Amino acid sequence: MQVSPLKAGIITCTVLLFAAIAYVLFSGMQGPAPSGLASYARGEMALFETLEDAPPRPPYGFIDPDGVERTLADYEGRVILVNYWATWCAPCIVEMPALDELQVLYGGDDFAVVTISADRRIEDAQRFFEENDLPNLPIYHDNSFAGPTAVGARGLPMSIIYSARGVEMGRMPREADWHSEDAHALIEAAIRIGGAG
């Protein structure tokens, strides 16, 4: 049976139209492409989460080795990666050297890594840093677990990036390789997007 060129054209156009409609419908079902910092959450950072209503940094206090109370507001004007950890948390101690390297690479006027220990005593964190040659990270302590509770942490480690204005940009609710190319791309984007300038 011979099909006329006109019928063949109509059939082809109909098939293409249905294919286009199916493509549009299925593309819409996948949701919008990630934007902002979420679009940099790839590879090693694929589990990085952003929240719909990004909360401000919590106002709770923690102490430094001299017993002086500090808050995250002390870092106003800088993008910060806040890492809640403890020496009794195996995944936490695995990622500490990478966080130390991250501070070496990016720490300064625009960015800082802020590590807050949930150990029973600040001396536990100090000893761990000394024994593992981690001289670039600050030693802060909060054994009340107020920080992790305030940010809704389901466990440790929990790392949260805050903009220079103190608004959460996203979080990593588990350990991560912060010295990977993917992490570097994420931090560089956070400094660009959330920086003071």
N, C-alpha and C. Protein backbone atom coordinates (compact mmCIF):
# COMPACT_ATOMS: atom_id res chain seq x y z
N MET A 1 0.83 -1.18 0.00
CA MET A 1 0.00 0.00 0.00
C MET A 1 0.87 1.24 0.00
N GLN A 2 0.62 2.10 -0.93
CA GLN A 2 1.41 3.31 -1.15
C GLN A 2 0.81 4.45 -0.30
N VAL A 3 1.68 5.20 0.40
CA VAL A 3 1.22 6.36 1.19
C VAL A 3 1.63 7.62 0.45
N SER A 4 0.68 8.51 0.27
CA SER A 4 0.98 9.75 -0.46
C SER A 4 1.93 10.61 0.37
N PRO A 5 2.73 11.44 -0.31
CA PRO A 5 3.64 12.33 0.43
C PRO A 5 2.91 13.24 1.41
N LEU A 6 1.70 13.66 1.08
CA LEU A 6 0.93 14.52 1.98
C LEU A 6 0.58 13.78 3.26
N LYS A 7 0.11 12.52 3.14
CA LYS A 7 -0.23 11.72 4.32
C LYS A 7 1.02 11.43 5.15
N ALA A 8 2.12 11.13 4.49
CA ALA A 8 3.39 10.86 5.21
C ALA A 8 3.81 12.10 5.99
N GLY A 9 3.65 13.28 5.41
CA GLY A 9 4.00 14.53 6.09
C GLY A 9 3.12 14.77 7.29
N ILE A 10 1.82 14.51 7.15
CA ILE A 10 0.88 14.71 8.26
C ILE A 10 1.20 13.74 9.40
N ILE A 11 1.48 12.48 9.07
CA ILE A 11 1.82 11.48 10.09
C ILE A 11 3.11 11.89 10.81
N THR A 12 4.12 12.30 10.05
CA THR A 12 5.39 12.71 10.64
C THR A 12 5.20 13.90 11.57
N CYS A 13 4.44 14.90 11.13
CA CYS A 13 4.20 16.10 11.96
C CYS A 13 3.45 15.72 13.24
N THR A 14 2.48 14.81 13.12
CA THR A 14 1.71 14.37 14.29
C THR A 14 2.61 13.66 15.30
N VAL A 15 3.47 12.77 14.80
CA VAL A 15 4.40 12.05 15.69
C VAL A 15 5.34 13.03 16.38
N LEU A 16 5.89 13.99 15.64
CA LEU A 16 6.78 14.99 16.22
C LEU A 16 6.07 15.86 17.25
N LEU A 17 4.81 16.21 16.98
CA LEU A 17 4.04 17.01 17.92
C LEU A 17 3.83 16.26 19.23
N PHE A 18 3.45 14.96 19.14
CA PHE A 18 3.28 14.17 20.35
C PHE A 18 4.60 14.00 21.12
N ALA A 19 5.69 13.84 20.40
CA ALA A 19 7.00 13.71 21.05
C ALA A 19 7.36 15.01 21.78
N ALA A 20 7.08 16.16 21.16
CA ALA A 20 7.37 17.45 21.79
C ALA A 20 6.53 17.65 23.04
N ILE A 21 5.24 17.29 22.97
CA ILE A 21 4.36 17.42 24.13
C ILE A 21 4.85 16.52 25.26
N ALA A 22 5.21 15.27 24.93
CA ALA A 22 5.72 14.34 25.95
C ALA A 22 6.99 14.88 26.59
N TYR A 23 7.88 15.45 25.79
CA TYR A 23 9.13 16.00 26.32
C TYR A 23 8.85 17.14 27.30
N VAL A 24 7.95 18.04 26.93
CA VAL A 24 7.61 19.17 27.80
C VAL A 24 6.99 18.67 29.10
N LEU A 25 6.07 17.71 29.01
CA LEU A 25 5.42 17.19 30.21
C LEU A 25 6.42 16.51 31.15
N PHE A 26 7.27 15.65 30.60
CA PHE A 26 8.22 14.94 31.44
C PHE A 26 9.31 15.87 31.98
N SER A 27 9.70 16.88 31.24
CA SER A 27 10.69 17.84 31.73
C SER A 27 10.12 18.61 32.91
N GLY A 28 8.85 18.99 32.82
CA GLY A 28 8.21 19.72 33.90
C GLY A 28 8.08 18.89 35.16
N MET A 29 7.95 17.58 35.03
CA MET A 29 7.80 16.70 36.18
C MET A 29 9.10 16.59 36.97
N GLN A 30 10.23 16.84 36.33
CA GLN A 30 11.51 16.73 37.01
C GLN A 30 11.79 17.93 37.90
N GLY A 31 11.00 18.98 37.80
CA GLY A 31 11.19 20.17 38.62
C GLY A 31 12.20 21.09 37.98
N PRO A 32 12.30 22.29 38.53
CA PRO A 32 13.22 23.26 37.96
C PRO A 32 14.68 22.88 38.23
N ALA A 33 15.53 23.37 37.37
CA ALA A 33 16.96 23.13 37.58
C ALA A 33 17.40 23.89 38.84
N PRO A 34 18.35 23.34 39.58
CA PRO A 34 18.80 24.03 40.78
C PRO A 34 19.41 25.39 40.44
N SER A 35 19.23 26.32 41.35
CA SER A 35 19.79 27.65 41.12
C SER A 35 20.61 28.05 42.33
N GLY A 36 21.28 29.19 42.25
CA GLY A 36 22.10 29.66 43.35
C GLY A 36 23.20 28.68 43.69
N LEU A 37 23.48 28.55 44.97
CA LEU A 37 24.56 27.68 45.41
C LEU A 37 24.25 26.21 45.15
N ALA A 38 22.97 25.84 45.13
CA ALA A 38 22.58 24.45 44.88
C ALA A 38 23.09 23.96 43.53
N SER A 39 23.23 24.86 42.57
CA SER A 39 23.69 24.44 41.24
C SER A 39 25.17 24.03 41.24
N TYR A 40 25.88 24.31 42.33
CA TYR A 40 27.29 23.91 42.44
C TYR A 40 27.45 22.64 43.28
N ALA A 41 26.35 22.07 43.75
CA ALA A 41 26.39 20.87 44.58
C ALA A 41 26.48 19.63 43.69
N ARG A 42 27.70 19.34 43.26
CA ARG A 42 27.93 18.22 42.35
C ARG A 42 29.02 17.30 42.88
N GLY A 43 29.04 16.09 42.35
CA GLY A 43 30.12 15.16 42.71
C GLY A 43 30.22 14.92 44.20
N GLU A 44 31.36 15.24 44.78
CA GLU A 44 31.59 15.06 46.22
C GLU A 44 30.61 15.87 47.07
N MET A 45 30.05 16.91 46.49
CA MET A 45 29.13 17.79 47.22
C MET A 45 27.67 17.56 46.85
N ALA A 46 27.37 16.45 46.20
CA ALA A 46 26.01 16.18 45.70
C ALA A 46 24.96 16.14 46.82
N LEU A 47 25.36 15.84 48.04
CA LEU A 47 24.39 15.77 49.15
C LEU A 47 24.20 17.11 49.85
N PHE A 48 24.85 18.15 49.35
CA PHE A 48 24.68 19.50 49.90
C PHE A 48 23.23 19.92 49.71
N GLU A 49 22.61 20.44 50.78
CA GLU A 49 21.19 20.79 50.75
C GLU A 49 21.00 22.30 50.90
N THR A 50 19.99 22.82 50.20
CA THR A 50 19.58 24.20 50.43
C THR A 50 18.14 24.17 50.93
N LEU A 51 17.77 25.14 51.76
CA LEU A 51 16.44 25.19 52.35
C LEU A 51 15.60 26.26 51.65
N GLU A 52 14.30 25.99 51.55
CA GLU A 52 13.37 26.95 50.93
C GLU A 52 13.44 28.31 51.62
N ASP A 53 13.17 28.32 52.91
CA ASP A 53 13.22 29.56 53.69
C ASP A 53 14.50 29.55 54.49
N ALA A 54 15.56 30.08 53.90
CA ALA A 54 16.88 30.03 54.53
C ALA A 54 16.86 30.81 55.85
N PRO A 55 17.19 30.15 56.94
CA PRO A 55 17.18 30.82 58.24
C PRO A 55 18.46 31.65 58.46
N PRO A 56 18.39 32.62 59.37
CA PRO A 56 19.60 33.35 59.74
C PRO A 56 20.46 32.48 60.64
N ARG A 57 21.71 32.87 60.80
CA ARG A 57 22.57 32.12 61.72
C ARG A 57 21.99 32.22 63.13
N PRO A 58 22.08 31.15 63.92
CA PRO A 58 21.52 31.19 65.28
C PRO A 58 22.35 32.10 66.19
N PRO A 59 21.72 32.70 67.19
CA PRO A 59 22.42 33.65 68.05
C PRO A 59 23.12 33.04 69.27
N TYR A 60 23.05 31.73 69.45
CA TYR A 60 23.60 31.09 70.64
C TYR A 60 25.10 31.36 70.76
N GLY A 61 25.62 31.18 71.97
CA GLY A 61 27.04 31.42 72.21
C GLY A 61 27.83 30.12 72.36
N PHE A 62 29.13 30.23 72.18
CA PHE A 62 30.08 29.13 72.40
C PHE A 62 31.34 29.78 72.92
N ILE A 63 32.26 28.99 73.44
CA ILE A 63 33.44 29.60 74.06
C ILE A 63 34.72 29.27 73.29
N ASP A 64 35.70 30.18 73.44
CA ASP A 64 37.02 29.94 72.84
C ASP A 64 37.94 29.38 73.93
N PRO A 65 39.18 29.03 73.59
CA PRO A 65 40.08 28.42 74.58
C PRO A 65 40.34 29.29 75.81
N ASP A 66 40.14 30.61 75.70
CA ASP A 66 40.34 31.49 76.86
C ASP A 66 39.08 31.63 77.70
N GLY A 67 38.03 30.91 77.32
CA GLY A 67 36.79 30.99 78.07
C GLY A 67 35.91 32.18 77.70
N VAL A 68 36.28 32.88 76.62
CA VAL A 68 35.51 34.04 76.17
C VAL A 68 34.33 33.55 75.33
N GLU A 69 33.14 34.07 75.61
CA GLU A 69 31.97 33.68 74.83
C GLU A 69 31.97 34.38 73.48
N ARG A 70 31.69 33.61 72.46
CA ARG A 70 31.65 34.11 71.09
C ARG A 70 30.29 33.77 70.49
N THR A 71 29.99 34.39 69.34
CA THR A 71 28.81 34.02 68.55
C THR A 71 29.20 34.04 67.08
N LEU A 72 28.34 33.50 66.25
CA LEU A 72 28.63 33.52 64.82
C LEU A 72 28.58 34.94 64.26
N ALA A 73 27.92 35.85 64.96
CA ALA A 73 27.89 37.26 64.53
C ALA A 73 29.28 37.88 64.55
N ASP A 74 30.21 37.26 65.27
CA ASP A 74 31.61 37.75 65.28
C ASP A 74 32.21 37.68 63.88
N TYR A 75 31.61 36.88 63.00
CA TYR A 75 32.12 36.70 61.64
C TYR A 75 31.32 37.50 60.61
N GLU A 76 30.54 38.45 61.07
CA GLU A 76 29.75 39.30 60.18
C GLU A 76 30.64 39.87 59.07
N GLY A 77 30.16 39.82 57.85
CA GLY A 77 30.93 40.35 56.72
C GLY A 77 31.75 39.31 55.99
N ARG A 78 31.78 38.08 56.53
CA ARG A 78 32.50 36.99 55.87
C ARG A 78 31.56 35.81 55.62
N VAL A 79 31.76 35.11 54.52
CA VAL A 79 31.09 33.83 54.32
C VAL A 79 31.77 32.85 55.26
N ILE A 80 30.97 32.07 55.99
CA ILE A 80 31.57 31.10 56.92
C ILE A 80 31.00 29.70 56.68
N LEU A 81 31.87 28.72 56.87
CA LEU A 81 31.46 27.33 56.90
C LEU A 81 31.55 26.91 58.36
N VAL A 82 30.40 26.71 59.00
CA VAL A 82 30.37 26.31 60.41
C VAL A 82 30.28 24.79 60.46
N ASN A 83 31.23 24.18 61.16
CA ASN A 83 31.28 22.72 61.26
C ASN A 83 31.09 22.31 62.72
N TYR A 84 29.98 21.60 62.98
CA TYR A 84 29.72 21.04 64.30
C TYR A 84 30.31 19.63 64.32
N TRP A 85 31.13 19.34 65.32
CA TRP A 85 31.86 18.09 65.34
C TRP A 85 32.18 17.68 66.77
N ALA A 86 32.78 16.51 66.94
CA ALA A 86 33.26 16.05 68.25
C ALA A 86 34.33 15.00 68.02
N THR A 87 35.22 14.85 68.99
CA THR A 87 36.31 13.86 68.86
C THR A 87 35.77 12.44 68.94
N TRP A 88 34.60 12.24 69.52
CA TRP A 88 34.01 10.89 69.62
C TRP A 88 33.22 10.51 68.37
N CYS A 89 33.18 11.41 67.40
CA CYS A 89 32.44 11.19 66.15
C CYS A 89 33.45 10.83 65.05
N ALA A 90 33.49 9.54 64.67
CA ALA A 90 34.49 9.07 63.70
C ALA A 90 34.43 9.82 62.36
N PRO A 91 33.26 10.02 61.74
CA PRO A 91 33.24 10.76 60.48
C PRO A 91 33.73 12.21 60.64
N CYS A 92 33.50 12.78 61.82
CA CYS A 92 33.93 14.15 62.08
C CYS A 92 35.45 14.28 62.00
N ILE A 93 36.13 13.36 62.67
CA ILE A 93 37.58 13.49 62.73
C ILE A 93 38.24 13.17 61.38
N VAL A 94 37.55 12.37 60.56
CA VAL A 94 38.08 12.06 59.23
C VAL A 94 38.13 13.31 58.36
N GLU A 95 37.12 14.18 58.47
CA GLU A 95 37.07 15.35 57.59
C GLU A 95 37.85 16.56 58.11
N MET A 96 38.34 16.51 59.34
CA MET A 96 39.05 17.67 59.91
C MET A 96 40.28 18.11 59.11
N PRO A 97 41.15 17.19 58.66
CA PRO A 97 42.29 17.66 57.86
C PRO A 97 41.87 18.40 56.59
N ALA A 98 40.79 17.95 55.95
CA ALA A 98 40.31 18.63 54.75
C ALA A 98 39.78 20.02 55.08
N LEU A 99 39.12 20.17 56.22
CA LEU A 99 38.64 21.49 56.65
C LEU A 99 39.81 22.41 56.96
N ASP A 100 40.86 21.84 57.55
CA ASP A 100 42.06 22.64 57.83
C ASP A 100 42.67 23.15 56.53
N GLU A 101 42.73 22.29 55.51
CA GLU A 101 43.26 22.70 54.20
C GLU A 101 42.36 23.74 53.54
N LEU A 102 41.06 23.60 53.72
CA LEU A 102 40.11 24.57 53.17
C LEU A 102 40.36 25.95 53.77
N GLN A 103 40.63 25.99 55.07
CA GLN A 103 40.93 27.25 55.73
C GLN A 103 42.23 27.84 55.20
N VAL A 104 43.22 27.00 54.94
CA VAL A 104 44.49 27.48 54.38
C VAL A 104 44.26 28.11 53.01
N LEU A 105 43.46 27.44 52.17
CA LEU A 105 43.24 27.91 50.80
C LEU A 105 42.38 29.17 50.72
N TYR A 106 41.31 29.23 51.52
CA TYR A 106 40.33 30.31 51.34
C TYR A 106 40.17 31.24 52.54
N GLY A 107 40.72 30.86 53.68
CA GLY A 107 40.54 31.67 54.89
C GLY A 107 41.13 33.07 54.73
N GLY A 108 40.41 34.06 55.23
CA GLY A 108 40.87 35.44 55.14
C GLY A 108 39.72 36.39 55.38
N ASP A 109 39.77 37.55 54.73
CA ASP A 109 38.74 38.57 54.93
C ASP A 109 37.38 38.19 54.38
N ASP A 110 37.35 37.27 53.40
CA ASP A 110 36.09 36.92 52.74
C ASP A 110 35.47 35.61 53.22
N PHE A 111 36.28 34.75 53.86
CA PHE A 111 35.80 33.41 54.20
C PHE A 111 36.53 32.86 55.42
N ALA A 112 35.82 32.04 56.19
CA ALA A 112 36.45 31.35 57.32
C ALA A 112 35.73 30.04 57.60
N VAL A 113 36.52 29.05 58.04
CA VAL A 113 35.96 27.80 58.56
C VAL A 113 35.87 27.98 60.07
N VAL A 114 34.70 27.69 60.63
CA VAL A 114 34.46 27.84 62.06
C VAL A 114 34.08 26.47 62.62
N THR A 115 34.97 25.88 63.42
CA THR A 115 34.72 24.55 63.96
C THR A 115 34.28 24.66 65.42
N ILE A 116 33.15 24.03 65.74
CA ILE A 116 32.59 24.10 67.10
C ILE A 116 32.45 22.68 67.63
N SER A 117 33.23 22.37 68.64
CA SER A 117 33.26 21.03 69.23
C SER A 117 32.11 20.83 70.22
N ALA A 118 31.53 19.64 70.17
CA ALA A 118 30.48 19.26 71.13
C ALA A 118 31.03 18.30 72.18
N ASP A 119 32.35 18.26 72.32
CA ASP A 119 32.97 17.39 73.31
C ASP A 119 32.61 17.84 74.73
N ARG A 120 32.83 16.93 75.68
CA ARG A 120 32.53 17.25 77.08
C ARG A 120 33.39 18.41 77.58
N ARG A 121 34.66 18.43 77.14
CA ARG A 121 35.59 19.48 77.57
C ARG A 121 36.33 20.04 76.36
N ILE A 122 36.63 21.32 76.38
CA ILE A 122 37.34 21.96 75.27
C ILE A 122 38.74 21.37 75.12
N GLU A 123 39.31 20.88 76.22
CA GLU A 123 40.66 20.29 76.17
C GLU A 123 40.71 19.08 75.24
N ASP A 124 39.60 18.35 75.12
CA ASP A 124 39.56 17.20 74.21
C ASP A 124 39.79 17.65 72.76
N ALA A 125 39.12 18.73 72.39
CA ALA A 125 39.28 19.27 71.04
C ALA A 125 40.68 19.83 70.85
N GLN A 126 41.19 20.54 71.85
CA GLN A 126 42.55 21.10 71.75
C GLN A 126 43.58 20.00 71.56
N ARG A 127 43.47 18.94 72.35
CA ARG A 127 44.43 17.83 72.24
C ARG A 127 44.35 17.18 70.86
N PHE A 128 43.13 16.99 70.34
CA PHE A 128 42.96 16.39 69.02
C PHE A 128 43.62 17.26 67.95
N PHE A 129 43.42 18.56 68.00
CA PHE A 129 44.02 19.47 67.02
C PHE A 129 45.54 19.42 67.09
N GLU A 130 46.08 19.39 68.30
CA GLU A 130 47.54 19.34 68.46
C GLU A 130 48.11 18.02 67.96
N GLU A 131 47.50 16.90 68.33
CA GLU A 131 48.00 15.58 67.94
C GLU A 131 47.90 15.35 66.44
N ASN A 132 46.96 16.01 65.78
CA ASN A 132 46.75 15.80 64.35
C ASN A 132 47.23 16.96 63.49
N ASP A 133 47.99 17.87 64.10
CA ASP A 133 48.61 18.98 63.38
C ASP A 133 47.58 19.75 62.54
N LEU A 134 46.61 20.32 63.23
CA LEU A 134 45.55 21.11 62.60
C LEU A 134 45.62 22.54 63.15
N PRO A 135 46.64 23.30 62.74
CA PRO A 135 46.87 24.61 63.34
C PRO A 135 46.01 25.74 62.76
N ASN A 136 45.27 25.48 61.71
CA ASN A 136 44.60 26.58 61.01
C ASN A 136 43.13 26.75 61.37
N LEU A 137 42.59 25.82 62.14
CA LEU A 137 41.18 25.89 62.51
C LEU A 137 41.00 26.50 63.90
N PRO A 138 39.95 27.27 64.09
CA PRO A 138 39.69 27.80 65.43
C PRO A 138 39.13 26.70 66.32
N ILE A 139 39.43 26.77 67.59
CA ILE A 139 38.90 25.80 68.54
C ILE A 139 37.81 26.50 69.35
N TYR A 140 36.57 26.15 69.05
CA TYR A 140 35.44 26.65 69.81
C TYR A 140 34.72 25.46 70.42
N HIS A 141 33.98 25.72 71.48
CA HIS A 141 33.40 24.62 72.25
C HIS A 141 31.98 24.96 72.70
N ASP A 142 31.11 23.96 72.61
CA ASP A 142 29.73 24.09 73.10
C ASP A 142 29.24 22.71 73.46
N ASN A 143 29.37 22.35 74.75
CA ASN A 143 28.94 21.01 75.15
C ASN A 143 27.46 20.94 75.49
N SER A 144 26.73 22.04 75.31
CA SER A 144 25.29 22.04 75.57
C SER A 144 24.51 21.51 74.36
N PHE A 145 25.19 21.38 73.22
CA PHE A 145 24.57 20.95 71.96
C PHE A 145 23.54 21.96 71.47
N ALA A 146 23.64 23.20 71.96
CA ALA A 146 22.69 24.25 71.56
C ALA A 146 22.79 24.56 70.07
N GLY A 147 24.00 24.61 69.54
CA GLY A 147 24.19 24.93 68.13
C GLY A 147 23.56 23.90 67.21
N PRO A 148 23.97 22.63 67.32
CA PRO A 148 23.37 21.62 66.46
C PRO A 148 21.85 21.53 66.62
N THR A 149 21.36 21.71 67.85
CA THR A 149 19.91 21.68 68.07
C THR A 149 19.23 22.85 67.38
N ALA A 150 19.82 24.04 67.49
CA ALA A 150 19.23 25.25 66.89
C ALA A 150 19.11 25.15 65.38
N VAL A 151 20.05 24.44 64.75
CA VAL A 151 20.02 24.34 63.28
C VAL A 151 19.33 23.06 62.79
N GLY A 152 18.81 22.26 63.72
CA GLY A 152 18.10 21.05 63.33
C GLY A 152 18.98 19.93 62.85
N ALA A 153 20.21 19.85 63.37
CA ALA A 153 21.12 18.78 62.97
C ALA A 153 20.58 17.43 63.44
N ARG A 154 20.62 16.44 62.55
CA ARG A 154 20.18 15.09 62.89
C ARG A 154 21.33 14.28 63.46
N GLY A 155 22.52 14.82 63.43
CA GLY A 155 23.70 14.14 63.95
C GLY A 155 24.93 14.95 63.60
N LEU A 156 26.09 14.39 63.89
CA LEU A 156 27.36 15.04 63.59
C LEU A 156 28.12 14.18 62.60
N PRO A 157 28.93 14.79 61.75
CA PRO A 157 29.14 16.22 61.62
C PRO A 157 28.00 16.90 60.86
N MET A 158 27.90 18.19 61.06
CA MET A 158 26.96 19.04 60.31
C MET A 158 27.74 20.29 59.93
N SER A 159 27.76 20.59 58.64
CA SER A 159 28.44 21.79 58.16
C SER A 159 27.41 22.69 57.47
N ILE A 160 27.42 23.97 57.83
CA ILE A 160 26.48 24.93 57.27
C ILE A 160 27.25 26.14 56.75
N ILE A 161 26.92 26.57 55.55
CA ILE A 161 27.53 27.77 54.98
C ILE A 161 26.57 28.93 55.16
N TYR A 162 27.08 30.02 55.75
CA TYR A 162 26.31 31.25 55.93
C TYR A 162 26.91 32.35 55.07
N SER A 163 26.04 33.19 54.53
CA SER A 163 26.50 34.33 53.73
C SER A 163 27.13 35.37 54.64
N ALA A 164 27.74 36.37 54.03
CA ALA A 164 28.36 37.46 54.79
C ALA A 164 27.32 38.23 55.61
N ARG A 165 26.05 38.17 55.19
CA ARG A 165 24.97 38.82 55.93
C ARG A 165 24.37 37.92 57.00
N GLY A 166 24.87 36.69 57.11
CA GLY A 166 24.42 35.80 58.17
C GLY A 166 23.22 34.95 57.84
N VAL A 167 22.93 34.74 56.54
CA VAL A 167 21.81 33.91 56.13
C VAL A 167 22.35 32.57 55.62
N GLU A 168 21.69 31.49 56.01
CA GLU A 168 22.15 30.16 55.58
C GLU A 168 22.07 30.04 54.06
N MET A 169 23.16 29.56 53.47
CA MET A 169 23.22 29.32 52.03
C MET A 169 23.03 27.85 51.70
N GLY A 170 23.28 26.98 52.66
CA GLY A 170 23.12 25.55 52.44
C GLY A 170 23.87 24.76 53.50
N ARG A 171 23.65 23.45 53.48
CA ARG A 171 24.24 22.60 54.53
C ARG A 171 24.63 21.23 54.00
N MET A 172 25.63 20.67 54.64
CA MET A 172 26.05 19.30 54.37
C MET A 172 25.79 18.52 55.66
N PRO A 173 24.76 17.67 55.69
CA PRO A 173 24.36 17.00 56.93
C PRO A 173 25.15 15.71 57.23
N ARG A 174 26.36 15.63 56.74
CA ARG A 174 27.20 14.46 56.95
C ARG A 174 28.63 14.83 56.62
N GLU A 175 29.56 13.88 56.75
CA GLU A 175 30.95 14.18 56.42
C GLU A 175 31.10 14.40 54.92
N ALA A 176 32.15 15.12 54.56
CA ALA A 176 32.40 15.41 53.14
C ALA A 176 33.89 15.60 52.93
N ASP A 177 34.31 15.46 51.69
CA ASP A 177 35.71 15.72 51.33
C ASP A 177 35.82 17.19 50.96
N TRP A 178 36.09 18.02 51.95
CA TRP A 178 36.15 19.47 51.76
C TRP A 178 37.40 19.91 51.02
N HIS A 179 38.32 18.99 50.75
CA HIS A 179 39.53 19.35 50.01
C HIS A 179 39.46 18.82 48.57
N SER A 180 38.25 18.55 48.09
CA SER A 180 38.07 18.07 46.72
C SER A 180 37.81 19.25 45.77
N GLU A 181 37.95 19.00 44.47
CA GLU A 181 37.65 20.05 43.47
C GLU A 181 36.20 20.49 43.55
N ASP A 182 35.30 19.54 43.82
CA ASP A 182 33.88 19.87 43.93
C ASP A 182 33.63 20.80 45.12
N ALA A 183 34.29 20.52 46.24
CA ALA A 183 34.14 21.38 47.42
C ALA A 183 34.71 22.76 47.15
N HIS A 184 35.85 22.81 46.48
CA HIS A 184 36.46 24.11 46.17
C HIS A 184 35.54 24.94 45.28
N ALA A 185 34.92 24.30 44.29
CA ALA A 185 33.99 25.01 43.41
C ALA A 185 32.80 25.54 44.20
N LEU A 186 32.31 24.75 45.15
CA LEU A 186 31.18 25.17 45.99
C LEU A 186 31.57 26.36 46.86
N ILE A 187 32.74 26.30 47.48
CA ILE A 187 33.17 27.39 48.36
C ILE A 187 33.43 28.67 47.55
N GLU A 188 34.07 28.53 46.41
CA GLU A 188 34.32 29.71 45.57
C GLU A 188 32.99 30.36 45.13
N ALA A 189 32.00 29.52 44.80
CA ALA A 189 30.68 30.06 44.44
C ALA A 189 30.03 30.73 45.64
N ALA A 190 30.16 30.13 46.82
CA ALA A 190 29.57 30.73 48.03
C ALA A 190 30.18 32.09 48.32
N ILE A 191 31.48 32.22 48.12
CA ILE A 191 32.14 33.52 48.35
C ILE A 191 31.66 34.55 47.34
N ARG A 192 31.50 34.12 46.08
CA ARG A 192 31.01 35.05 45.03
C ARG A 192 29.56 35.46 45.28
N ILE A 193 28.71 34.46 45.55
CA ILE A 193 27.27 34.71 45.70
C ILE A 193 26.93 35.37 47.02
N GLY A 194 27.55 34.90 48.09
CA GLY A 194 27.16 35.37 49.43
C GLY A 194 28.12 36.34 50.09
N GLY A 195 29.14 36.78 49.35
CA GLY A 195 30.12 37.67 49.93
C GLY A 195 29.60 39.07 50.19
N ALA A 196 30.37 39.83 50.95
CA ALA A 196 29.98 41.18 51.35
C ALA A 196 30.03 42.15 50.18
N GLY A 197 30.94 41.91 49.23
CA GLY A 197 31.10 42.84 48.12
C GLY A 197 30.09 42.64 47.07
